[in-house]
Amino acid sequence: MQEKSLQKLNDKEYNVVKMLQTLKVKRSHALVIVALAGQKEMKSFEIEKVTGLCQPEVSNAMSHLMKKDWISVQQDPFVEQKGRPYNLYQLKYPLKAIIKALEKQILQEQQETFKIITRLKERI
């Protein structure tokens, strides 16, 4: 298997991370999402290299994103039989679909807030 060239996120990608953070996505989660959006699949240590996150931050982000069902995991079929096998991570959906899911979540939260405000107004 040929090594792919990995580079840190560029300015455009960091701007996407910042925008995701304004939508209340944790920084580590946003970094992982953007890193995976730029690659077909990545190993944990590759994500660490690209994002600058440490291993526990990557693991925590992966756990959260897997609970949201945004990431799929499979074992690397090219790993030798010795040692622990690598997991390959990839986004299940394109970045646009994830942004659409965030939009839907935010709209639902806003609707709930407006319902509460309406009830408060009725009681005052």
PDB file of N, CA and C in Angstrom:
ATOM      1  N   MET A   1       0.844  -1.177   0.000  1.00  0.00           N
ATOM      2  CA  MET A   1       0.000   0.000   0.000  1.00  0.00           C
ATOM      3  C   MET A   1       0.887   1.237   0.000  1.00  0.00           C
ATOM      4  N   GLN A   2       0.560   2.172  -0.838  1.00  0.00           N
ATOM      5  CA  GLN A   2       1.355   3.381  -0.980  1.00  0.00           C
ATOM      6  C   GLN A   2       0.935   4.415   0.065  1.00  0.00           C
ATOM      7  N   GLU A   3       1.937   5.079   0.671  1.00  0.00           N
ATOM      8  CA  GLU A   3       1.662   6.106   1.678  1.00  0.00           C
ATOM      9  C   GLU A   3       1.070   7.327   0.995  1.00  0.00           C
ATOM     10  N   LYS A   4      -0.038   7.821   1.520  1.00  0.00           N
ATOM     11  CA  LYS A   4      -0.598   9.049   0.969  1.00  0.00           C
ATOM     12  C   LYS A   4       0.033  10.239   1.668  1.00  0.00           C
ATOM     13  N   SER A   5       0.165  11.310   0.930  1.00  0.00           N
ATOM     14  CA  SER A   5       0.795  12.495   1.500  1.00  0.00           C
ATOM     15  C   SER A   5      -0.241  13.257   2.326  1.00  0.00           C
ATOM     16  N   LEU A   6       0.060  13.410   3.593  1.00  0.00           N
ATOM     17  CA  LEU A   6      -0.852  14.103   4.503  1.00  0.00           C
ATOM     18  C   LEU A   6      -0.267  15.449   4.871  1.00  0.00           C
ATOM     19  N   GLN A   7      -1.103  16.461   4.813  1.00  0.00           N
ATOM     20  CA  GLN A   7      -0.677  17.789   5.199  1.00  0.00           C
ATOM     21  C   GLN A   7      -1.667  18.352   6.192  1.00  0.00           C
ATOM     22  N   LYS A   8      -1.176  19.265   7.009  1.00  0.00           N
ATOM     23  CA  LYS A   8      -2.056  19.929   7.964  1.00  0.00           C
ATOM     24  C   LYS A   8      -3.168  20.637   7.221  1.00  0.00           C
ATOM     25  N   LEU A   9      -4.251  20.916   7.938  1.00  0.00           N
ATOM     26  CA  LEU A   9      -5.371  21.624   7.328  1.00  0.00           C
ATOM     27  C   LEU A   9      -4.923  22.994   6.837  1.00  0.00           C
ATOM     28  N   ASN A  10      -5.488  23.426   5.719  1.00  0.00           N
ATOM     29  CA  ASN A  10      -5.129  24.739   5.174  1.00  0.00           C
ATOM     30  C   ASN A  10      -6.069  25.813   5.741  1.00  0.00           C
ATOM     31  N   ASP A  11      -5.852  27.057   5.344  1.00  0.00           N
ATOM     32  CA  ASP A  11      -6.640  28.179   5.873  1.00  0.00           C
ATOM     33  C   ASP A  11      -8.133  28.027   5.573  1.00  0.00           C
ATOM     34  N   LYS A  12      -8.451  27.574   4.389  1.00  0.00           N
ATOM     35  CA  LYS A  12      -9.860  27.394   4.012  1.00  0.00           C
ATOM     36  C   LYS A  12     -10.520  26.356   4.924  1.00  0.00           C
ATOM     37  N   GLU A  13      -9.813  25.274   5.177  1.00  0.00           N
ATOM     38  CA  GLU A  13     -10.345  24.218   6.040  1.00  0.00           C
ATOM     39  C   GLU A  13     -10.479  24.710   7.481  1.00  0.00           C
ATOM     40  N   TYR A  14      -9.498  25.508   7.951  1.00  0.00           N
ATOM     41  CA  TYR A  14      -9.606  26.067   9.300  1.00  0.00           C
ATOM     42  C   TYR A  14     -10.784  27.033   9.415  1.00  0.00           C
ATOM     43  N   ASN A  15     -11.092  27.739   8.331  1.00  0.00           N
ATOM     44  CA  ASN A  15     -12.266  28.611   8.343  1.00  0.00           C
ATOM     45  C   ASN A  15     -13.550  27.800   8.485  1.00  0.00           C
ATOM     46  N   VAL A  16     -13.606  26.644   7.841  1.00  0.00           N
ATOM     47  CA  VAL A  16     -14.764  25.749   7.985  1.00  0.00           C
ATOM     48  C   VAL A  16     -14.856  25.271   9.430  1.00  0.00           C
ATOM     49  N   VAL A  17     -13.713  24.940  10.028  1.00  0.00           N
ATOM     50  CA  VAL A  17     -13.693  24.514  11.436  1.00  0.00           C
ATOM     51  C   VAL A  17     -14.255  25.622  12.322  1.00  0.00           C
ATOM     52  N   LYS A  18     -13.806  26.848  12.098  1.00  0.00           N
ATOM     53  CA  LYS A  18     -14.292  27.977  12.903  1.00  0.00           C
ATOM     54  C   LYS A  18     -15.793  28.175  12.744  1.00  0.00           C
ATOM     55  N   MET A  19     -16.285  28.030  11.522  1.00  0.00           N
ATOM     56  CA  MET A  19     -17.729  28.177  11.295  1.00  0.00           C
ATOM     57  C   MET A  19     -18.507  27.071  12.000  1.00  0.00           C
ATOM     58  N   LEU A  20     -17.974  25.847  11.961  1.00  0.00           N
ATOM     59  CA  LEU A  20     -18.635  24.749  12.670  1.00  0.00           C
ATOM     60  C   LEU A  20     -18.656  25.028  14.172  1.00  0.00           C
ATOM     61  N   GLN A  21     -17.578  25.620  14.694  1.00  0.00           N
ATOM     62  CA  GLN A  21     -17.532  25.949  16.109  1.00  0.00           C
ATOM     63  C   GLN A  21     -18.600  26.983  16.467  1.00  0.00           C
ATOM     64  N   THR A  22     -18.887  27.910  15.573  1.00  0.00           N
ATOM     65  CA  THR A  22     -19.947  28.890  15.859  1.00  0.00           C
ATOM     66  C   THR A  22     -21.315  28.219  15.901  1.00  0.00           C
ATOM     67  N   LEU A  23     -21.407  27.024  15.314  1.00  0.00           N
ATOM     68  CA  LEU A  23     -22.649  26.243  15.377  1.00  0.00           C
ATOM     69  C   LEU A  23     -22.651  25.300  16.581  1.00  0.00           C
ATOM     70  N   LYS A  24     -21.757  25.553  17.525  1.00  0.00           N
ATOM     71  CA  LYS A  24     -21.641  24.804  18.776  1.00  0.00           C
ATOM     72  C   LYS A  24     -21.105  23.380  18.594  1.00  0.00           C
ATOM     73  N   VAL A  25     -20.304  23.188  17.558  1.00  0.00           N
ATOM     74  CA  VAL A  25     -19.599  21.922  17.378  1.00  0.00           C
ATOM     75  C   VAL A  25     -18.254  22.092  18.080  1.00  0.00           C
ATOM     76  N   LYS A  26     -17.904  21.134  18.936  1.00  0.00           N
ATOM     77  CA  LYS A  26     -16.622  21.220  19.639  1.00  0.00           C
ATOM     78  C   LYS A  26     -15.476  21.290  18.634  1.00  0.00           C
ATOM     79  N   ARG A  27     -14.437  22.010  19.023  1.00  0.00           N
ATOM     80  CA  ARG A  27     -13.290  22.213  18.138  1.00  0.00           C
ATOM     81  C   ARG A  27     -12.703  20.890  17.650  1.00  0.00           C
ATOM     82  N   SER A  28     -12.488  19.960  18.564  1.00  0.00           N
ATOM     83  CA  SER A  28     -11.888  18.677  18.174  1.00  0.00           C
ATOM     84  C   SER A  28     -12.788  17.917  17.204  1.00  0.00           C
ATOM     85  N   HIS A  29     -14.096  17.982  17.427  1.00  0.00           N
ATOM     86  CA  HIS A  29     -15.038  17.302  16.537  1.00  0.00           C
ATOM     87  C   HIS A  29     -15.009  17.949  15.153  1.00  0.00           C
ATOM     88  N   ALA A  30     -14.996  19.289  15.134  1.00  0.00           N
ATOM     89  CA  ALA A  30     -14.962  20.010  13.862  1.00  0.00           C
ATOM     90  C   ALA A  30     -13.678  19.702  13.091  1.00  0.00           C
ATOM     91  N   LEU A  31     -12.552  19.662  13.795  1.00  0.00           N
ATOM     92  CA  LEU A  31     -11.278  19.347  13.136  1.00  0.00           C
ATOM     93  C   LEU A  31     -11.312  17.956  12.503  1.00  0.00           C
ATOM     94  N   VAL A  32     -11.846  16.987  13.231  1.00  0.00           N
ATOM     95  CA  VAL A  32     -11.918  15.615  12.709  1.00  0.00           C
ATOM     96  C   VAL A  32     -12.850  15.545  11.502  1.00  0.00           C
ATOM     97  N   ILE A  33     -13.996  16.206  11.588  1.00  0.00           N
ATOM     98  CA  ILE A  33     -14.948  16.202  10.469  1.00  0.00           C
ATOM     99  C   ILE A  33     -14.300  16.786   9.221  1.00  0.00           C
ATOM    100  N   VAL A  34     -13.645  17.929   9.368  1.00  0.00           N
ATOM    101  CA  VAL A  34     -13.029  18.592   8.218  1.00  0.00           C
ATOM    102  C   VAL A  34     -11.866  17.758   7.673  1.00  0.00           C
ATOM    103  N   ALA A  35     -11.083  17.163   8.551  1.00  0.00           N
ATOM    104  CA  ALA A  35      -9.971  16.317   8.100  1.00  0.00           C
ATOM    105  C   ALA A  35     -10.491  15.125   7.298  1.00  0.00           C
ATOM    106  N   LEU A  36     -11.523  14.480   7.803  1.00  0.00           N
ATOM    107  CA  LEU A  36     -12.078  13.316   7.110  1.00  0.00           C
ATOM    108  C   LEU A  36     -12.790  13.703   5.818  1.00  0.00           C
ATOM    109  N   ALA A  37     -13.334  14.908   5.780  1.00  0.00           N
ATOM    110  CA  ALA A  37     -14.012  15.366   4.565  1.00  0.00           C
ATOM    111  C   ALA A  37     -13.021  15.511   3.416  1.00  0.00           C
ATOM    112  N   GLY A  38     -11.754  15.751   3.745  1.00  0.00           N
ATOM    113  CA  GLY A  38     -10.730  15.928   2.724  1.00  0.00           C
ATOM    114  C   GLY A  38     -10.057  14.644   2.283  1.00  0.00           C
ATOM    115  N   GLN A  39     -10.400  13.521   2.906  1.00  0.00           N
ATOM    116  CA  GLN A  39      -9.759  12.238   2.586  1.00  0.00           C
ATOM    117  C   GLN A  39     -10.828  11.160   2.448  1.00  0.00           C
ATOM    118  N   LYS A  40     -10.506  10.115   1.717  1.00  0.00           N
ATOM    119  CA  LYS A  40     -11.434   8.994   1.594  1.00  0.00           C
ATOM    120  C   LYS A  40     -11.541   8.256   2.929  1.00  0.00           C
ATOM    121  N   GLU A  41     -10.405   7.966   3.525  1.00  0.00           N
ATOM    122  CA  GLU A  41     -10.357   7.296   4.824  1.00  0.00           C
ATOM    123  C   GLU A  41      -9.025   7.612   5.480  1.00  0.00           C
ATOM    124  N   MET A  42      -9.029   7.554   6.811  1.00  0.00           N
ATOM    125  CA  MET A  42      -7.804   7.888   7.545  1.00  0.00           C
ATOM    126  C   MET A  42      -7.665   6.998   8.763  1.00  0.00           C
ATOM    127  N   LYS A  43      -6.422   6.792   9.167  1.00  0.00           N
ATOM    128  CA  LYS A  43      -6.118   6.096  10.421  1.00  0.00           C
ATOM    129  C   LYS A  43      -6.063   7.146  11.526  1.00  0.00           C
ATOM    130  N   SER A  44      -6.188   6.701  12.758  1.00  0.00           N
ATOM    131  CA  SER A  44      -6.190   7.607  13.895  1.00  0.00           C
ATOM    132  C   SER A  44      -4.939   8.479  13.939  1.00  0.00           C
ATOM    133  N   PHE A  45      -3.770   7.874  13.760  1.00  0.00           N
ATOM    134  CA  PHE A  45      -2.539   8.661  13.832  1.00  0.00           C
ATOM    135  C   PHE A  45      -2.438   9.665  12.686  1.00  0.00           C
ATOM    136  N   GLU A  46      -3.071   9.370  11.548  1.00  0.00           N
ATOM    137  CA  GLU A  46      -3.089  10.323  10.442  1.00  0.00           C
ATOM    138  C   GLU A  46      -3.962  11.533  10.788  1.00  0.00           C
ATOM    139  N   ILE A  47      -5.065  11.260  11.454  1.00  0.00           N
ATOM    140  CA  ILE A  47      -5.948  12.345  11.892  1.00  0.00           C
ATOM    141  C   ILE A  47      -5.206  13.232  12.894  1.00  0.00           C
ATOM    142  N   GLU A  48      -4.448  12.595  13.799  1.00  0.00           N
ATOM    143  CA  GLU A  48      -3.643  13.358  14.762  1.00  0.00           C
ATOM    144  C   GLU A  48      -2.678  14.284  14.029  1.00  0.00           C
ATOM    145  N   LYS A  49      -2.009  13.763  13.022  1.00  0.00           N
ATOM    146  CA  LYS A  49      -1.009  14.529  12.280  1.00  0.00           C
ATOM    147  C   LYS A  49      -1.648  15.709  11.540  1.00  0.00           C
ATOM    148  N   VAL A  50      -2.765  15.472  10.893  1.00  0.00           N
ATOM    149  CA  VAL A  50      -3.419  16.500  10.079  1.00  0.00           C
ATOM    150  C   VAL A  50      -4.055  17.589  10.944  1.00  0.00           C
ATOM    151  N   THR A  51      -4.657  17.197  12.062  1.00  0.00           N
ATOM    152  CA  THR A  51      -5.403  18.146  12.880  1.00  0.00           C
ATOM    153  C   THR A  51      -4.574  18.790  13.984  1.00  0.00           C
ATOM    154  N   GLY A  52      -3.487  18.125  14.380  1.00  0.00           N
ATOM    155  CA  GLY A  52      -2.702  18.627  15.494  1.00  0.00           C
ATOM    156  C   GLY A  52      -3.283  18.235  16.843  1.00  0.00           C
ATOM    157  N   LEU A  53      -4.295  17.391  16.838  1.00  0.00           N
ATOM    158  CA  LEU A  53      -4.895  16.905  18.084  1.00  0.00           C
ATOM    159  C   LEU A  53      -4.061  15.766  18.651  1.00  0.00           C
ATOM    160  N   CYS A  54      -4.135  15.567  19.958  1.00  0.00           N
ATOM    161  CA  CYS A  54      -3.456  14.426  20.563  1.00  0.00           C
ATOM    162  C   CYS A  54      -4.387  13.213  20.509  1.00  0.00           C
ATOM    163  N   GLN A  55      -3.830  12.043  20.762  1.00  0.00           N
ATOM    164  CA  GLN A  55      -4.579  10.790  20.616  1.00  0.00           C
ATOM    165  C   GLN A  55      -5.857  10.750  21.443  1.00  0.00           C
ATOM    166  N   PRO A  56      -5.860  11.158  22.720  1.00  0.00           N
ATOM    167  CA  PRO A  56      -7.111  11.103  23.476  1.00  0.00           C
ATOM    168  C   PRO A  56      -8.203  12.018  22.904  1.00  0.00           C
ATOM    169  N   GLU A  57      -7.789  13.180  22.355  1.00  0.00           N
ATOM    170  CA  GLU A  57      -8.772  14.085  21.748  1.00  0.00           C
ATOM    171  C   GLU A  57      -9.389  13.464  20.504  1.00  0.00           C
ATOM    172  N   VAL A  58      -8.567  12.801  19.705  1.00  0.00           N
ATOM    173  CA  VAL A  58      -9.074  12.133  18.502  1.00  0.00           C
ATOM    174  C   VAL A  58     -10.024  11.005  18.900  1.00  0.00           C
ATOM    175  N   SER A  59      -9.643  10.203  19.885  1.00  0.00           N
ATOM    176  CA  SER A  59     -10.500   9.102  20.336  1.00  0.00           C
ATOM    177  C   SER A  59     -11.829   9.612  20.865  1.00  0.00           C
ATOM    178  N   ASN A  60     -11.781  10.683  21.641  1.00  0.00           N
ATOM    179  CA  ASN A  60     -13.003  11.271  22.186  1.00  0.00           C
ATOM    180  C   ASN A  60     -13.904  11.778  21.059  1.00  0.00           C
ATOM    181  N   ALA A  61     -13.315  12.477  20.095  1.00  0.00           N
ATOM    182  CA  ALA A  61     -14.085  12.993  18.967  1.00  0.00           C
ATOM    183  C   ALA A  61     -14.689  11.847  18.153  1.00  0.00           C
ATOM    184  N   MET A  62     -13.901  10.802  17.924  1.00  0.00           N
ATOM    185  CA  MET A  62     -14.399   9.652  17.161  1.00  0.00           C
ATOM    186  C   MET A  62     -15.589   9.000  17.858  1.00  0.00           C
ATOM    187  N   SER A  63     -15.471   8.847  19.162  1.00  0.00           N
ATOM    188  CA  SER A  63     -16.553   8.248  19.930  1.00  0.00           C
ATOM    189  C   SER A  63     -17.833   9.062  19.783  1.00  0.00           C
ATOM    190  N   HIS A  64     -17.718  10.379  19.929  1.00  0.00           N
ATOM    191  CA  HIS A  64     -18.884  11.258  19.815  1.00  0.00           C
ATOM    192  C   HIS A  64     -19.485  11.208  18.406  1.00  0.00           C
ATOM    193  N   LEU A  65     -18.627  11.275  17.395  1.00  0.00           N
ATOM    194  CA  LEU A  65     -19.109  11.294  16.015  1.00  0.00           C
ATOM    195  C   LEU A  65     -19.692   9.947  15.594  1.00  0.00           C
ATOM    196  N   MET A  66     -19.186   8.854  16.176  1.00  0.00           N
ATOM    197  CA  MET A  66     -19.773   7.536  15.891  1.00  0.00           C
ATOM    198  C   MET A  66     -21.159   7.427  16.521  1.00  0.00           C
ATOM    199  N   LYS A  67     -21.342   8.018  17.713  1.00  0.00           N
ATOM    200  CA  LYS A  67     -22.664   8.026  18.350  1.00  0.00           C
ATOM    201  C   LYS A  67     -23.663   8.798  17.496  1.00  0.00           C
ATOM    202  N   LYS A  68     -23.203   9.844  16.827  1.00  0.00           N
ATOM    203  CA  LYS A  68     -24.058  10.621  15.928  1.00  0.00           C
ATOM    204  C   LYS A  68     -24.272   9.886  14.600  1.00  0.00           C
ATOM    205  N   ASP A  69     -23.552   8.786  14.400  1.00  0.00           N
ATOM    206  CA  ASP A  69     -23.627   7.978  13.189  1.00  0.00           C
ATOM    207  C   ASP A  69     -23.123   8.731  11.960  1.00  0.00           C
ATOM    208  N   TRP A  70     -22.096   9.565  12.145  1.00  0.00           N
ATOM    209  CA  TRP A  70     -21.515  10.318  11.051  1.00  0.00           C
ATOM    210  C   TRP A  70     -20.229   9.684  10.547  1.00  0.00           C
ATOM    211  N   ILE A  71     -19.683   8.719  11.286  1.00  0.00           N
ATOM    212  CA  ILE A  71     -18.405   8.110  10.931  1.00  0.00           C
ATOM    213  C   ILE A  71     -18.549   6.594  10.895  1.00  0.00           C
ATOM    214  N   SER A  72     -17.893   5.988   9.925  1.00  0.00           N
ATOM    215  CA  SER A  72     -17.840   4.528   9.892  1.00  0.00           C
ATOM    216  C   SER A  72     -16.400   4.094  10.159  1.00  0.00           C
ATOM    217  N   VAL A  73     -16.266   2.898  10.707  1.00  0.00           N
ATOM    218  CA  VAL A  73     -14.964   2.361  11.080  1.00  0.00           C
ATOM    219  C   VAL A  73     -14.832   0.959  10.499  1.00  0.00           C
ATOM    220  N   GLN A  74     -13.658   0.684   9.968  1.00  0.00           N
ATOM    221  CA  GLN A  74     -13.354  -0.685   9.545  1.00  0.00           C
ATOM    222  C   GLN A  74     -11.880  -0.935   9.776  1.00  0.00           C
ATOM    223  N   GLN A  75     -11.517  -2.202   9.899  1.00  0.00           N
ATOM    224  CA  GLN A  75     -10.109  -2.533  10.100  1.00  0.00           C
ATOM    225  C   GLN A  75      -9.372  -2.470   8.773  1.00  0.00           C
ATOM    226  N   ASP A  76      -8.123  -2.016   8.845  1.00  0.00           N
ATOM    227  CA  ASP A  76      -7.282  -1.895   7.661  1.00  0.00           C
ATOM    228  C   ASP A  76      -6.980  -3.292   7.121  1.00  0.00           C
ATOM    229  N   PRO A  77      -7.415  -3.594   5.888  1.00  0.00           N
ATOM    230  CA  PRO A  77      -7.168  -4.938   5.347  1.00  0.00           C
ATOM    231  C   PRO A  77      -5.711  -5.167   4.954  1.00  0.00           C
ATOM    232  N   PHE A  78      -4.900  -4.116   4.892  1.00  0.00           N
ATOM    233  CA  PHE A  78      -3.522  -4.247   4.440  1.00  0.00           C
ATOM    234  C   PHE A  78      -2.522  -4.378   5.576  1.00  0.00           C
ATOM    235  N   VAL A  79      -3.004  -4.459   6.804  1.00  0.00           N
ATOM    236  CA  VAL A  79      -2.098  -4.531   7.948  1.00  0.00           C
ATOM    237  C   VAL A  79      -1.553  -5.957   8.073  1.00  0.00           C
ATOM    238  N   GLU A  80      -0.297  -6.053   8.494  1.00  0.00           N
ATOM    239  CA  GLU A  80       0.299  -7.370   8.711  1.00  0.00           C
ATOM    240  C   GLU A  80      -0.348  -8.034   9.918  1.00  0.00           C
ATOM    241  N   GLN A  81      -0.147  -9.308  10.081  1.00  0.00           N
ATOM    242  CA  GLN A  81      -0.786 -10.061  11.155  1.00  0.00           C
ATOM    243  C   GLN A  81      -0.204  -9.757  12.528  1.00  0.00           C
ATOM    244  N   LYS A  82       0.945  -9.095  12.584  1.00  0.00           N
ATOM    245  CA  LYS A  82       1.564  -8.801  13.871  1.00  0.00           C
ATOM    246  C   LYS A  82       1.004  -7.512  14.445  1.00  0.00           C
ATOM    247  N   GLY A  83       0.839  -7.479  15.761  1.00  0.00           N
ATOM    248  CA  GLY A  83       0.418  -6.251  16.427  1.00  0.00           C
ATOM    249  C   GLY A  83      -1.060  -5.964  16.280  1.00  0.00           C
ATOM    250  N   ARG A  84      -1.418  -4.834  16.827  1.00  0.00           N
ATOM    251  CA  ARG A  84      -2.810  -4.421  16.824  1.00  0.00           C
ATOM    252  C   ARG A  84      -3.187  -3.836  15.454  1.00  0.00           C
ATOM    253  N   PRO A  85      -4.317  -4.250  14.905  1.00  0.00           N
ATOM    254  CA  PRO A  85      -4.699  -3.735  13.582  1.00  0.00           C
ATOM    255  C   PRO A  85      -5.142  -2.273  13.665  1.00  0.00           C
ATOM    256  N   TYR A  86      -4.932  -1.548  12.583  1.00  0.00           N
ATOM    257  CA  TYR A  86      -5.372  -0.156  12.492  1.00  0.00           C
ATOM    258  C   TYR A  86      -6.831  -0.098  12.101  1.00  0.00           C
ATOM    259  N   ASN A  87      -7.518   0.890  12.628  1.00  0.00           N
ATOM    260  CA  ASN A  87      -8.875   1.174  12.178  1.00  0.00           C
ATOM    261  C   ASN A  87      -8.816   2.273  11.133  1.00  0.00           C
ATOM    262  N   LEU A  88      -9.656   2.155  10.119  1.00  0.00           N
ATOM    263  CA  LEU A  88      -9.790   3.185   9.104  1.00  0.00           C
ATOM    264  C   LEU A  88     -11.112   3.898   9.348  1.00  0.00           C
ATOM    265  N   TYR A  89     -11.050   5.219   9.423  1.00  0.00           N
ATOM    266  CA  TYR A  89     -12.228   6.033   9.687  1.00  0.00           C
ATOM    267  C   TYR A  89     -12.589   6.814   8.438  1.00  0.00           C
ATOM    268  N   GLN A  90     -13.877   6.957   8.214  1.00  0.00           N
ATOM    269  CA  GLN A  90     -14.333   7.799   7.108  1.00  0.00           C
ATOM    270  C   GLN A  90     -15.708   8.357   7.437  1.00  0.00           C
ATOM    271  N   LEU A  91     -16.016   9.494   6.825  1.00  0.00           N
ATOM    272  CA  LEU A  91     -17.340  10.070   7.016  1.00  0.00           C
ATOM    273  C   LEU A  91     -18.358   9.201   6.288  1.00  0.00           C
ATOM    274  N   LYS A  92     -19.493   8.970   6.935  1.00  0.00           N
ATOM    275  CA  LYS A  92     -20.560   8.203   6.289  1.00  0.00           C
ATOM    276  C   LYS A  92     -21.300   9.051   5.265  1.00  0.00           C
ATOM    277  N   TYR A  93     -21.285  10.359   5.493  1.00  0.00           N
ATOM    278  CA  TYR A  93     -22.044  11.279   4.652  1.00  0.00           C
ATOM    279  C   TYR A  93     -21.129  12.412   4.184  1.00  0.00           C
ATOM    280  N   PRO A  94     -21.459  13.028   3.060  1.00  0.00           N
ATOM    281  CA  PRO A  94     -20.667  14.190   2.643  1.00  0.00           C
ATOM    282  C   PRO A  94     -20.818  15.332   3.662  1.00  0.00           C
ATOM    283  N   LEU A  95     -19.867  16.231   3.653  1.00  0.00           N
ATOM    284  CA  LEU A  95     -19.874  17.348   4.598  1.00  0.00           C
ATOM    285  C   LEU A  95     -21.165  18.157   4.485  1.00  0.00           C
ATOM    286  N   LYS A  96     -21.685  18.313   3.282  1.00  0.00           N
ATOM    287  CA  LYS A  96     -22.938  19.070   3.100  1.00  0.00           C
ATOM    288  C   LYS A  96     -24.095  18.412   3.843  1.00  0.00           C
ATOM    289  N   ALA A  97     -24.149  17.097   3.876  1.00  0.00           N
ATOM    290  CA  ALA A  97     -25.216  16.392   4.587  1.00  0.00           C
ATOM    291  C   ALA A  97     -25.077  16.584   6.098  1.00  0.00           C
ATOM    292  N   ILE A  98     -23.851  16.610   6.592  1.00  0.00           N
ATOM    293  CA  ILE A  98     -23.617  16.835   8.018  1.00  0.00           C
ATOM    294  C   ILE A  98     -24.035  18.255   8.390  1.00  0.00           C
ATOM    295  N   ILE A  99     -23.722  19.210   7.530  1.00  0.00           N
ATOM    296  CA  ILE A  99     -24.127  20.594   7.773  1.00  0.00           C
ATOM    297  C   ILE A  99     -25.649  20.692   7.764  1.00  0.00           C
ATOM    298  N   LYS A 100     -26.296  19.985   6.873  1.00  0.00           N
ATOM    299  CA  LYS A 100     -27.768  19.969   6.816  1.00  0.00           C
ATOM    300  C   LYS A 100     -28.339  19.393   8.115  1.00  0.00           C
ATOM    301  N   ALA A 101     -27.717  18.345   8.655  1.00  0.00           N
ATOM    302  CA  ALA A 101     -28.171  17.760   9.924  1.00  0.00           C
ATOM    303  C   ALA A 101     -27.996  18.764  11.064  1.00  0.00           C
ATOM    304  N   LEU A 102     -26.885  19.502  11.052  1.00  0.00           N
ATOM    305  CA  LEU A 102     -26.673  20.540  12.068  1.00  0.00           C
ATOM    306  C   LEU A 102     -27.725  21.637  11.945  1.00  0.00           C
ATOM    307  N   GLU A 103     -28.036  22.006  10.721  1.00  0.00           N
ATOM    308  CA  GLU A 103     -29.066  23.029  10.481  1.00  0.00           C
ATOM    309  C   GLU A 103     -30.413  22.579  11.052  1.00  0.00           C
ATOM    310  N   LYS A 104     -30.762  21.343  10.790  1.00  0.00           N
ATOM    311  CA  LYS A 104     -32.030  20.794  11.287  1.00  0.00           C
ATOM    312  C   LYS A 104     -32.052  20.807  12.816  1.00  0.00           C
ATOM    313  N   GLN A 105     -30.948  20.409  13.435  1.00  0.00           N
ATOM    314  CA  GLN A 105     -30.848  20.387  14.902  1.00  0.00           C
ATOM    315  C   GLN A 105     -31.001  21.798  15.473  1.00  0.00           C
ATOM    316  N   ILE A 106     -30.348  22.766  14.863  1.00  0.00           N
ATOM    317  CA  ILE A 106     -30.414  24.144  15.344  1.00  0.00           C
ATOM    318  C   ILE A 106     -31.826  24.702  15.201  1.00  0.00           C
ATOM    319  N   LEU A 107     -32.467  24.423  14.085  1.00  0.00           N
ATOM    320  CA  LEU A 107     -33.841  24.891  13.885  1.00  0.00           C
ATOM    321  C   LEU A 107     -34.796  24.292  14.914  1.00  0.00           C
ATOM    322  N   GLN A 108     -34.609  23.012  15.229  1.00  0.00           N
ATOM    323  CA  GLN A 108     -35.441  22.376  16.258  1.00  0.00           C
ATOM    324  C   GLN A 108     -35.215  23.023  17.618  1.00  0.00           C
ATOM    325  N   GLU A 109     -33.954  23.300  17.942  1.00  0.00           N
ATOM    326  CA  GLU A 109     -33.649  23.948  19.220  1.00  0.00           C
ATOM    327  C   GLU A 109     -34.264  25.343  19.282  1.00  0.00           C
ATOM    328  N   GLN A 110     -34.218  26.073  18.175  1.00  0.00           N
ATOM    329  CA  GLN A 110     -34.805  27.411  18.144  1.00  0.00           C
ATOM    330  C   GLN A 110     -36.320  27.352  18.293  1.00  0.00           C
ATOM    331  N   GLN A 111     -36.951  26.373  17.664  1.00  0.00           N
ATOM    332  CA  GLN A 111     -38.397  26.220  17.799  1.00  0.00           C
ATOM    333  C   GLN A 111     -38.785  25.942  19.243  1.00  0.00           C
ATOM    334  N   GLU A 112     -37.996  25.097  19.906  1.00  0.00           N
ATOM    335  CA  GLU A 112     -38.255  24.804  21.320  1.00  0.00           C
ATOM    336  C   GLU A 112     -38.114  26.073  22.164  1.00  0.00           C
ATOM    337  N   THR A 113     -37.088  26.853  21.879  1.00  0.00           N
ATOM    338  CA  THR A 113     -36.872  28.098  22.612  1.00  0.00           C
ATOM    339  C   THR A 113     -38.039  29.055  22.399  1.00  0.00           C
ATOM    340  N   PHE A 114     -38.502  29.196  21.169  1.00  0.00           N
ATOM    341  CA  PHE A 114     -39.626  30.087  20.894  1.00  0.00           C
ATOM    342  C   PHE A 114     -40.919  29.610  21.556  1.00  0.00           C
ATOM    343  N   LYS A 115     -41.098  28.313  21.655  1.00  0.00           N
ATOM    344  CA  LYS A 115     -42.276  27.781  22.365  1.00  0.00           C
ATOM    345  C   LYS A 115     -42.223  28.188  23.831  1.00  0.00           C
ATOM    346  N   ILE A 116     -41.065  28.090  24.428  1.00  0.00           N
ATOM    347  CA  ILE A 116     -40.904  28.473  25.838  1.00  0.00           C
ATOM    348  C   ILE A 116     -41.162  29.965  26.003  1.00  0.00           C
ATOM    349  N   ILE A 117     -40.637  30.773  25.103  1.00  0.00           N
ATOM    350  CA  ILE A 117     -40.847  32.222  25.167  1.00  0.00           C
ATOM    351  C   ILE A 117     -42.333  32.544  25.030  1.00  0.00           C
ATOM    352  N   THR A 118     -43.015  31.882  24.129  1.00  0.00           N
ATOM    353  CA  THR A 118     -44.444  32.103  23.941  1.00  0.00           C
ATOM    354  C   THR A 118     -45.213  31.750  25.203  1.00  0.00           C
ATOM    355  N   ARG A 119     -44.875  30.638  25.832  1.00  0.00           N
ATOM    356  CA  ARG A 119     -45.543  30.244  27.075  1.00  0.00           C
ATOM    357  C   ARG A 119     -45.270  31.251  28.188  1.00  0.00           C
ATOM    358  N   LEU A 120     -44.054  31.752  28.239  1.00  0.00           N
ATOM    359  CA  LEU A 120     -43.713  32.772  29.247  1.00  0.00           C
ATOM    360  C   LEU A 120     -44.535  34.037  29.036  1.00  0.00           C
ATOM    361  N   LYS A 121     -44.660  34.472  27.803  1.00  0.00           N
ATOM    362  CA  LYS A 121     -45.435  35.666  27.491  1.00  0.00           C
ATOM    363  C   LYS A 121     -46.901  35.504  27.889  1.00  0.00           C
ATOM    364  N   GLU A 122     -47.425  34.303  27.699  1.00  0.00           N
ATOM    365  CA  GLU A 122     -48.829  34.043  28.032  1.00  0.00           C
ATOM    366  C   GLU A 122     -49.056  34.090  29.543  1.00  0.00           C
ATOM    367  N   ARG A 123     -48.065  33.766  30.316  1.00  0.00           N
ATOM    368  CA  ARG A 123     -48.217  33.708  31.785  1.00  0.00           C
ATOM    369  C   ARG A 123     -47.936  35.045  32.449  1.00  0.00           C
ATOM    370  N   ILE A 124     -47.358  35.952  31.741  1.00  0.00           N
ATOM    371  CA  ILE A 124     -47.029  37.251  32.355  1.00  0.00           C
ATOM    372  C   ILE A 124     -48.132  38.250  32.103  1.00  0.00           C
TER     373      ILE A 124
END
